[in-house]
């Protein structure tokens, strides 16, 4: 017999909380300016001009464990789908139509511009704001091969 305490996603309250709708605003948008500033400082140290932060973990699941909520931690956006791109002087959040209002409400507008992905693709945004010879980074565990290829083509088209 298997008891719930042996099944991580049942025994762990962090997993259970993600499974049910909650109307509690857990966004930390007031922290995003300092966190994005710290990210930019680290990017400068490693000679990168930008970084892609998807709402993903190494398993590409929709519901992430707390340790993988990078997008929420950085931007304040707590939806289950989205991507942020942080450049040295600009930052953008891309969400689908389900999260257009939430994305705008949960982010610090002075730091991050929220976009509906139907109106502005991340690759199009990169074409506009990524410049010649700039370097864009990402965590290869968090993007699919297809996403990686699309971002690579967008960076090359921008001259980066």
N, C-alpha and C. Protein backbone atom coordinates (compact mmCIF):
# COMPACT_ATOMS: atom_id res chain seq x y z
N UNK A 1 0.84 -1.17 0.00
CA UNK A 1 0.00 0.00 0.00
C UNK A 1 0.89 1.24 0.00
N UNK A 2 0.49 2.24 -0.79
CA UNK A 2 1.25 3.49 -0.87
C UNK A 2 0.47 4.57 -0.13
N UNK A 3 1.14 5.21 0.79
CA UNK A 3 0.52 6.29 1.55
C UNK A 3 0.89 7.63 0.91
N UNK A 4 0.04 8.62 1.09
CA UNK A 4 0.25 9.94 0.48
C UNK A 4 1.60 10.55 0.83
N UNK A 5 2.11 10.25 2.03
CA UNK A 5 3.38 10.86 2.40
C UNK A 5 4.52 10.38 1.51
N UNK A 6 4.33 9.29 0.79
CA UNK A 6 5.36 8.77 -0.10
C UNK A 6 5.22 9.30 -1.52
N UNK A 7 4.17 10.02 -1.80
CA UNK A 7 3.96 10.60 -3.12
C UNK A 7 4.25 12.09 -3.00
N UNK A 8 5.38 12.54 -3.55
CA UNK A 8 5.82 13.92 -3.32
C UNK A 8 4.78 14.99 -3.65
N UNK A 9 4.10 14.86 -4.79
CA UNK A 9 3.19 15.93 -5.17
C UNK A 9 1.93 15.98 -4.31
N UNK A 10 1.61 14.91 -3.62
CA UNK A 10 0.47 14.90 -2.70
C UNK A 10 0.91 15.34 -1.31
N UNK A 11 2.06 14.87 -0.89
CA UNK A 11 2.54 15.15 0.47
C UNK A 11 3.05 16.58 0.62
N UNK A 12 3.54 17.15 -0.46
CA UNK A 12 4.15 18.47 -0.39
C UNK A 12 3.09 19.55 -0.59
N UNK A 13 2.85 20.40 0.39
CA UNK A 13 1.82 21.43 0.26
C UNK A 13 2.10 22.43 -0.86
N UNK A 14 3.37 22.62 -1.25
CA UNK A 14 3.66 23.53 -2.35
C UNK A 14 3.05 23.03 -3.65
N UNK A 15 3.02 21.74 -3.86
CA UNK A 15 2.41 21.17 -5.06
C UNK A 15 0.89 21.28 -4.98
N UNK A 16 0.34 20.98 -3.83
CA UNK A 16 -1.11 21.00 -3.66
C UNK A 16 -1.66 22.41 -3.87
N UNK A 17 -0.97 23.41 -3.35
CA UNK A 17 -1.42 24.79 -3.51
C UNK A 17 -1.53 25.18 -4.98
N UNK A 18 -0.63 24.71 -5.82
CA UNK A 18 -0.64 25.06 -7.24
C UNK A 18 -1.78 24.39 -7.99
N UNK A 19 -2.36 23.35 -7.42
CA UNK A 19 -3.39 22.60 -8.12
C UNK A 19 -4.77 23.24 -8.02
N UNK A 20 -4.97 24.17 -7.10
CA UNK A 20 -6.28 24.74 -6.88
C UNK A 20 -6.26 26.25 -7.08
N UNK A 21 -7.35 26.77 -7.63
CA UNK A 21 -7.49 28.20 -7.87
C UNK A 21 -7.46 28.96 -6.55
N UNK A 22 -6.68 30.00 -6.52
CA UNK A 22 -6.64 30.86 -5.34
C UNK A 22 -6.74 32.29 -5.83
N UNK A 23 -7.44 33.10 -5.10
CA UNK A 23 -7.57 34.49 -5.50
C UNK A 23 -6.66 35.40 -4.67
N UNK A 24 -5.76 34.79 -3.97
CA UNK A 24 -4.79 35.52 -3.17
C UNK A 24 -3.68 36.02 -4.10
N UNK A 25 -3.39 37.31 -4.05
CA UNK A 25 -2.33 37.88 -4.88
C UNK A 25 -0.99 37.65 -4.19
N UNK A 26 -0.20 36.76 -4.76
CA UNK A 26 1.10 36.45 -4.18
C UNK A 26 2.24 37.10 -4.97
N UNK A 27 1.87 37.99 -5.87
CA UNK A 27 2.86 38.66 -6.69
C UNK A 27 3.81 39.50 -5.84
N UNK A 28 5.06 39.52 -6.22
CA UNK A 28 6.07 40.35 -5.54
C UNK A 28 6.58 41.42 -6.50
N UNK A 29 5.65 42.09 -7.18
CA UNK A 29 6.03 43.10 -8.17
C UNK A 29 6.88 44.22 -7.57
N UNK A 30 6.72 44.48 -6.28
CA UNK A 30 7.50 45.54 -5.64
C UNK A 30 8.98 45.16 -5.52
N UNK A 31 9.31 43.90 -5.73
CA UNK A 31 10.69 43.44 -5.67
C UNK A 31 11.35 43.37 -7.05
N UNK A 32 10.56 43.49 -8.12
CA UNK A 32 11.11 43.23 -9.45
C UNK A 32 12.17 44.23 -9.88
N UNK A 33 12.04 45.49 -9.51
CA UNK A 33 13.05 46.48 -9.92
C UNK A 33 14.42 46.11 -9.38
N UNK A 34 14.49 45.78 -8.10
CA UNK A 34 15.79 45.44 -7.52
C UNK A 34 16.30 44.10 -8.05
N UNK A 35 15.40 43.17 -8.29
CA UNK A 35 15.83 41.86 -8.79
C UNK A 35 16.31 41.94 -10.24
N UNK A 36 15.63 42.73 -11.05
CA UNK A 36 16.08 42.91 -12.43
C UNK A 36 17.40 43.66 -12.46
N UNK A 37 17.55 44.64 -11.60
CA UNK A 37 18.82 45.36 -11.50
C UNK A 37 19.96 44.40 -11.12
N UNK A 38 19.71 43.52 -10.17
CA UNK A 38 20.73 42.54 -9.77
C UNK A 38 21.04 41.58 -10.92
N UNK A 39 20.02 41.17 -11.66
CA UNK A 39 20.25 40.31 -12.83
C UNK A 39 21.12 41.03 -13.85
N UNK A 40 20.82 42.29 -14.11
CA UNK A 40 21.61 43.06 -15.07
C UNK A 40 23.07 43.19 -14.63
N UNK A 41 23.30 43.35 -13.35
CA UNK A 41 24.67 43.42 -12.84
C UNK A 41 25.40 42.10 -13.09
N UNK A 42 24.71 40.99 -12.86
CA UNK A 42 25.33 39.69 -13.11
C UNK A 42 25.58 39.46 -14.59
N UNK A 43 24.64 39.89 -15.43
CA UNK A 43 24.82 39.74 -16.88
C UNK A 43 26.04 40.52 -17.35
N UNK A 44 26.20 41.71 -16.82
CA UNK A 44 27.36 42.53 -17.18
C UNK A 44 28.66 41.83 -16.81
N UNK A 45 28.69 41.19 -15.63
CA UNK A 45 29.89 40.49 -15.17
C UNK A 45 30.27 39.34 -16.10
N UNK A 46 29.28 38.70 -16.71
CA UNK A 46 29.58 37.56 -17.59
C UNK A 46 29.46 37.92 -19.07
N UNK A 47 29.46 39.23 -19.35
CA UNK A 47 29.49 39.74 -20.71
C UNK A 47 28.27 39.32 -21.54
N UNK A 48 27.09 39.38 -20.92
CA UNK A 48 25.84 39.17 -21.65
C UNK A 48 25.05 40.46 -21.66
N UNK A 49 24.29 40.66 -22.72
CA UNK A 49 23.49 41.87 -22.86
C UNK A 49 22.01 41.63 -22.56
N UNK A 50 21.64 40.39 -22.40
CA UNK A 50 20.25 40.07 -22.10
C UNK A 50 20.10 38.62 -21.72
N UNK A 51 18.89 38.29 -21.22
CA UNK A 51 18.63 36.93 -20.79
C UNK A 51 17.15 36.62 -20.96
N UNK A 52 16.85 35.39 -21.36
CA UNK A 52 15.48 34.91 -21.55
C UNK A 52 15.07 34.11 -20.32
N UNK A 53 13.92 34.45 -19.75
CA UNK A 53 13.42 33.75 -18.56
C UNK A 53 12.02 33.22 -18.88
N UNK A 54 11.89 31.94 -19.20
CA UNK A 54 10.57 31.38 -19.47
C UNK A 54 9.89 30.88 -18.20
N UNK A 55 8.59 30.71 -18.26
CA UNK A 55 7.88 30.03 -17.17
C UNK A 55 8.00 28.55 -17.50
N UNK A 56 9.06 27.94 -17.03
CA UNK A 56 9.33 26.53 -17.36
C UNK A 56 10.30 25.96 -16.34
N UNK A 57 10.31 24.66 -16.30
CA UNK A 57 11.35 23.95 -15.56
C UNK A 57 11.98 22.95 -16.52
N UNK A 58 12.87 22.16 -16.01
CA UNK A 58 13.59 21.22 -16.87
C UNK A 58 12.69 20.13 -17.45
N UNK A 59 11.46 20.01 -16.96
CA UNK A 59 10.54 18.99 -17.46
C UNK A 59 9.47 19.56 -18.38
N UNK A 60 9.46 20.89 -18.57
CA UNK A 60 8.51 21.58 -19.44
C UNK A 60 7.06 21.36 -19.02
N UNK A 61 6.82 21.24 -17.73
CA UNK A 61 5.45 21.08 -17.24
C UNK A 61 4.78 22.43 -17.04
N UNK A 62 3.45 22.42 -17.00
CA UNK A 62 2.71 23.66 -16.79
C UNK A 62 2.75 24.11 -15.34
N UNK A 63 2.65 23.16 -14.42
CA UNK A 63 2.65 23.49 -13.00
C UNK A 63 4.05 23.27 -12.44
N UNK A 64 4.65 24.35 -11.99
CA UNK A 64 6.03 24.29 -11.55
C UNK A 64 6.14 24.17 -10.04
N UNK A 65 7.15 23.44 -9.58
CA UNK A 65 7.43 23.45 -8.14
C UNK A 65 7.95 24.84 -7.76
N UNK A 66 7.86 25.17 -6.50
CA UNK A 66 8.23 26.51 -6.03
C UNK A 66 9.65 26.90 -6.44
N UNK A 67 10.60 25.96 -6.42
CA UNK A 67 11.98 26.31 -6.76
C UNK A 67 12.13 26.77 -8.21
N UNK A 68 11.18 26.41 -9.07
CA UNK A 68 11.30 26.73 -10.49
C UNK A 68 10.51 27.97 -10.90
N UNK A 69 9.92 28.66 -9.96
CA UNK A 69 9.11 29.85 -10.28
C UNK A 69 10.00 31.07 -10.50
N UNK A 70 10.92 30.95 -11.43
CA UNK A 70 11.87 32.03 -11.73
C UNK A 70 11.18 33.28 -12.27
N UNK A 71 10.22 33.06 -13.17
CA UNK A 71 9.53 34.18 -13.79
C UNK A 71 8.75 34.98 -12.75
N UNK A 72 8.05 34.30 -11.86
CA UNK A 72 7.30 34.98 -10.79
C UNK A 72 8.26 35.72 -9.86
N UNK A 73 9.35 35.08 -9.51
CA UNK A 73 10.31 35.70 -8.60
C UNK A 73 10.89 36.97 -9.20
N UNK A 74 11.23 36.92 -10.48
CA UNK A 74 11.87 38.06 -11.12
C UNK A 74 10.90 39.19 -11.45
N UNK A 75 9.74 38.85 -11.99
CA UNK A 75 8.83 39.87 -12.52
C UNK A 75 7.62 40.16 -11.65
N UNK A 76 7.22 39.21 -10.81
CA UNK A 76 5.99 39.34 -10.05
C UNK A 76 4.81 38.66 -10.72
N UNK A 77 4.95 38.27 -11.98
CA UNK A 77 3.86 37.62 -12.72
C UNK A 77 3.72 36.17 -12.28
N UNK A 78 2.51 35.78 -11.85
CA UNK A 78 2.30 34.45 -11.29
C UNK A 78 1.47 33.53 -12.18
N UNK A 79 1.20 33.91 -13.41
CA UNK A 79 0.43 33.04 -14.31
C UNK A 79 1.22 31.80 -14.70
N UNK A 80 0.53 30.86 -15.34
CA UNK A 80 1.16 29.57 -15.68
C UNK A 80 1.81 29.56 -17.05
N UNK A 81 1.82 30.68 -17.75
CA UNK A 81 2.46 30.72 -19.07
C UNK A 81 2.99 32.13 -19.31
N UNK A 82 4.23 32.23 -19.72
CA UNK A 82 4.81 33.53 -20.01
C UNK A 82 6.31 33.43 -20.16
N UNK A 83 6.88 34.47 -20.72
CA UNK A 83 8.33 34.56 -20.90
C UNK A 83 8.74 36.01 -20.70
N UNK A 84 9.84 36.21 -20.02
CA UNK A 84 10.41 37.56 -19.88
C UNK A 84 11.74 37.59 -20.61
N UNK A 85 12.04 38.74 -21.16
CA UNK A 85 13.36 38.99 -21.72
C UNK A 85 13.88 40.26 -21.07
N UNK A 86 15.04 40.16 -20.47
CA UNK A 86 15.65 41.30 -19.81
C UNK A 86 16.90 41.68 -20.59
N UNK A 87 16.92 42.90 -21.10
CA UNK A 87 18.11 43.46 -21.74
C UNK A 87 18.72 44.48 -20.79
N UNK A 88 19.84 45.04 -21.16
CA UNK A 88 20.52 45.99 -20.27
C UNK A 88 19.68 47.23 -19.96
N UNK A 89 18.84 47.64 -20.92
CA UNK A 89 18.06 48.87 -20.71
C UNK A 89 16.55 48.69 -20.84
N UNK A 90 16.10 47.48 -21.15
CA UNK A 90 14.67 47.22 -21.31
C UNK A 90 14.35 45.83 -20.78
N UNK A 91 13.09 45.66 -20.40
CA UNK A 91 12.62 44.33 -20.00
C UNK A 91 11.18 44.19 -20.46
N UNK A 92 10.83 43.00 -20.92
CA UNK A 92 9.48 42.75 -21.41
C UNK A 92 8.98 41.40 -20.91
N UNK A 93 7.68 41.34 -20.69
CA UNK A 93 6.99 40.11 -20.33
C UNK A 93 6.02 39.79 -21.46
N UNK A 94 6.03 38.54 -21.92
CA UNK A 94 5.15 38.10 -22.99
C UNK A 94 4.22 37.04 -22.45
N UNK A 95 2.91 37.29 -22.58
CA UNK A 95 1.90 36.36 -22.07
C UNK A 95 0.84 36.14 -23.15
N UNK A 96 0.10 35.04 -23.02
CA UNK A 96 -0.99 34.82 -23.97
C UNK A 96 -2.24 35.55 -23.48
N UNK A 97 -3.29 35.48 -24.27
CA UNK A 97 -4.51 36.23 -24.01
C UNK A 97 -5.14 35.97 -22.65
N UNK A 98 -4.92 34.81 -22.08
CA UNK A 98 -5.48 34.50 -20.76
C UNK A 98 -4.90 35.40 -19.68
N UNK A 99 -3.69 35.89 -19.90
CA UNK A 99 -2.96 36.58 -18.84
C UNK A 99 -2.63 38.04 -19.16
N UNK A 100 -3.25 38.61 -20.18
CA UNK A 100 -2.93 39.98 -20.57
C UNK A 100 -3.16 40.96 -19.42
N UNK A 101 -4.32 40.88 -18.79
CA UNK A 101 -4.63 41.80 -17.68
C UNK A 101 -3.75 41.48 -16.47
N UNK A 102 -3.65 40.21 -16.13
CA UNK A 102 -2.84 39.80 -14.98
C UNK A 102 -1.39 40.21 -15.16
N UNK A 103 -0.85 40.01 -16.35
CA UNK A 103 0.54 40.38 -16.62
C UNK A 103 0.78 41.87 -16.42
N UNK A 104 -0.16 42.68 -16.88
CA UNK A 104 -0.02 44.13 -16.71
C UNK A 104 -0.18 44.55 -15.25
N UNK A 105 -1.09 43.89 -14.53
CA UNK A 105 -1.33 44.26 -13.14
C UNK A 105 -0.24 43.78 -12.18
N UNK A 106 0.38 42.65 -12.49
CA UNK A 106 1.35 42.08 -11.54
C UNK A 106 2.79 42.52 -11.78
N UNK A 107 3.03 43.32 -12.78
CA UNK A 107 4.40 43.74 -13.04
C UNK A 107 4.57 45.24 -12.77
N UNK A 108 5.78 45.61 -12.44
CA UNK A 108 6.13 47.01 -12.22
C UNK A 108 6.31 47.66 -13.59
N UNK A 109 5.36 48.49 -13.97
CA UNK A 109 5.36 49.10 -15.30
C UNK A 109 6.56 50.01 -15.55
N UNK A 110 7.20 50.47 -14.49
CA UNK A 110 8.37 51.33 -14.68
C UNK A 110 9.60 50.50 -15.08
N UNK A 111 9.51 49.18 -14.94
CA UNK A 111 10.64 48.31 -15.22
C UNK A 111 10.36 47.33 -16.35
N UNK A 112 9.13 46.83 -16.41
CA UNK A 112 8.77 45.77 -17.35
C UNK A 112 7.57 46.20 -18.18
N UNK A 113 7.65 45.99 -19.48
CA UNK A 113 6.52 46.21 -20.36
C UNK A 113 5.88 44.87 -20.65
N UNK A 114 4.59 44.75 -20.35
CA UNK A 114 3.87 43.50 -20.59
C UNK A 114 3.26 43.53 -21.99
N UNK A 115 3.37 42.41 -22.70
CA UNK A 115 2.84 42.29 -24.07
C UNK A 115 1.98 41.05 -24.20
N UNK A 116 0.90 41.18 -24.96
CA UNK A 116 0.14 40.01 -25.38
C UNK A 116 0.93 39.40 -26.53
N UNK A 117 1.24 38.13 -26.42
CA UNK A 117 2.08 37.47 -27.41
C UNK A 117 1.44 37.46 -28.81
N UNK A 118 0.11 37.63 -28.87
CA UNK A 118 -0.57 37.71 -30.16
C UNK A 118 -0.25 39.02 -30.87
N UNK A 119 0.06 40.06 -30.09
CA UNK A 119 0.37 41.37 -30.66
C UNK A 119 1.87 41.59 -30.85
N UNK A 120 2.67 40.99 -29.99
CA UNK A 120 4.13 41.18 -30.06
C UNK A 120 4.81 39.87 -29.67
N UNK A 121 5.41 39.24 -30.64
CA UNK A 121 6.17 38.02 -30.37
C UNK A 121 7.51 38.38 -29.72
N UNK A 122 8.01 37.54 -28.83
CA UNK A 122 9.32 37.81 -28.24
C UNK A 122 10.41 37.96 -29.30
N UNK A 123 10.33 37.16 -30.35
CA UNK A 123 11.34 37.24 -31.41
C UNK A 123 11.26 38.57 -32.15
N UNK A 124 10.06 39.09 -32.35
CA UNK A 124 9.91 40.40 -33.00
C UNK A 124 10.45 41.50 -32.09
N UNK A 125 10.17 41.39 -30.80
CA UNK A 125 10.67 42.36 -29.83
C UNK A 125 12.19 42.37 -29.83
N UNK A 126 12.79 41.18 -29.87
CA UNK A 126 14.25 41.09 -29.93
C UNK A 126 14.79 41.75 -31.19
N UNK A 127 14.10 41.57 -32.30
CA UNK A 127 14.53 42.18 -33.56
C UNK A 127 14.55 43.70 -33.43
N UNK A 128 13.64 44.22 -32.63
CA UNK A 128 13.55 45.67 -32.45
C UNK A 128 14.57 46.21 -31.43
N UNK A 129 14.84 45.45 -30.37
CA UNK A 129 15.64 45.99 -29.27
C UNK A 129 17.03 45.37 -29.08
N UNK A 130 17.27 44.21 -29.64
CA UNK A 130 18.60 43.61 -29.55
C UNK A 130 19.45 44.19 -30.67
N UNK A 131 20.64 44.64 -30.35
CA UNK A 131 21.46 45.35 -31.33
C UNK A 131 22.66 44.51 -31.78
N UNK A 132 23.34 45.04 -32.79
CA UNK A 132 24.52 44.37 -33.34
C UNK A 132 25.51 43.99 -32.25
N UNK A 133 26.06 42.82 -32.39
CA UNK A 133 27.11 42.31 -31.52
C UNK A 133 26.72 42.16 -30.05
N UNK A 134 25.43 42.20 -29.74
CA UNK A 134 25.01 41.94 -28.37
C UNK A 134 24.85 40.43 -28.17
N UNK A 135 24.97 40.02 -26.93
CA UNK A 135 24.89 38.59 -26.59
C UNK A 135 23.68 38.34 -25.69
N UNK A 136 22.87 37.36 -26.11
CA UNK A 136 21.66 37.00 -25.39
C UNK A 136 21.83 35.62 -24.78
N UNK A 137 21.58 35.50 -23.49
CA UNK A 137 21.74 34.22 -22.80
C UNK A 137 20.42 33.57 -22.44
N UNK A 138 20.49 32.29 -22.13
CA UNK A 138 19.33 31.53 -21.67
C UNK A 138 19.82 30.27 -20.99
N UNK A 139 18.95 29.66 -20.21
CA UNK A 139 19.26 28.38 -19.57
C UNK A 139 18.77 27.29 -20.52
N UNK A 140 19.67 26.47 -21.07
CA UNK A 140 19.26 25.46 -22.06
C UNK A 140 18.32 24.40 -21.50
N UNK A 141 18.25 24.26 -20.19
CA UNK A 141 17.32 23.30 -19.59
C UNK A 141 15.88 23.81 -19.63
N UNK A 142 15.70 25.10 -19.83
CA UNK A 142 14.37 25.70 -19.71
C UNK A 142 13.70 26.01 -21.03
N UNK A 143 14.40 25.85 -22.13
CA UNK A 143 13.81 26.08 -23.46
C UNK A 143 13.82 24.79 -24.24
N UNK A 144 12.80 24.62 -25.08
CA UNK A 144 12.77 23.46 -25.97
C UNK A 144 13.74 23.72 -27.12
N UNK A 145 14.05 22.69 -27.87
CA UNK A 145 14.93 22.84 -29.03
C UNK A 145 14.32 23.81 -30.04
N UNK A 146 13.01 23.74 -30.23
CA UNK A 146 12.32 24.64 -31.16
C UNK A 146 12.41 26.09 -30.69
N UNK A 147 12.19 26.33 -29.41
CA UNK A 147 12.29 27.69 -28.88
C UNK A 147 13.72 28.22 -29.03
N UNK A 148 14.68 27.37 -28.72
CA UNK A 148 16.08 27.77 -28.84
C UNK A 148 16.40 28.20 -30.26
N UNK A 149 15.94 27.43 -31.22
CA UNK A 149 16.19 27.74 -32.64
C UNK A 149 15.53 29.06 -33.03
N UNK A 150 14.32 29.30 -32.58
CA UNK A 150 13.62 30.55 -32.90
C UNK A 150 14.36 31.76 -32.32
N UNK A 151 14.81 31.64 -31.08
CA UNK A 151 15.55 32.75 -30.47
C UNK A 151 16.91 32.95 -31.15
N UNK A 152 17.54 31.87 -31.54
CA UNK A 152 18.82 31.97 -32.24
C UNK A 152 18.64 32.72 -33.56
N UNK A 153 17.61 32.36 -34.31
CA UNK A 153 17.34 33.04 -35.58
C UNK A 153 17.02 34.51 -35.36
N UNK A 154 16.25 34.81 -34.32
CA UNK A 154 15.91 36.21 -34.03
C UNK A 154 17.15 37.01 -33.67
N UNK A 155 18.03 36.42 -32.88
CA UNK A 155 19.27 37.11 -32.49
C UNK A 155 20.16 37.34 -33.71
N UNK A 156 20.26 36.34 -34.56
CA UNK A 156 21.07 36.47 -35.77
C UNK A 156 20.49 37.54 -36.70
N UNK A 157 19.16 37.58 -36.82
CA UNK A 157 18.52 38.59 -37.66
C UNK A 157 18.77 39.99 -37.13
N UNK A 158 18.89 40.11 -35.82
CA UNK A 158 19.17 41.42 -35.20
C UNK A 158 20.65 41.78 -35.27
N UNK A 159 21.47 40.85 -35.75
CA UNK A 159 22.90 41.09 -35.84
C UNK A 159 23.66 40.74 -34.58
N UNK A 160 22.99 40.09 -33.66
CA UNK A 160 23.63 39.73 -32.39
C UNK A 160 24.35 38.40 -32.51
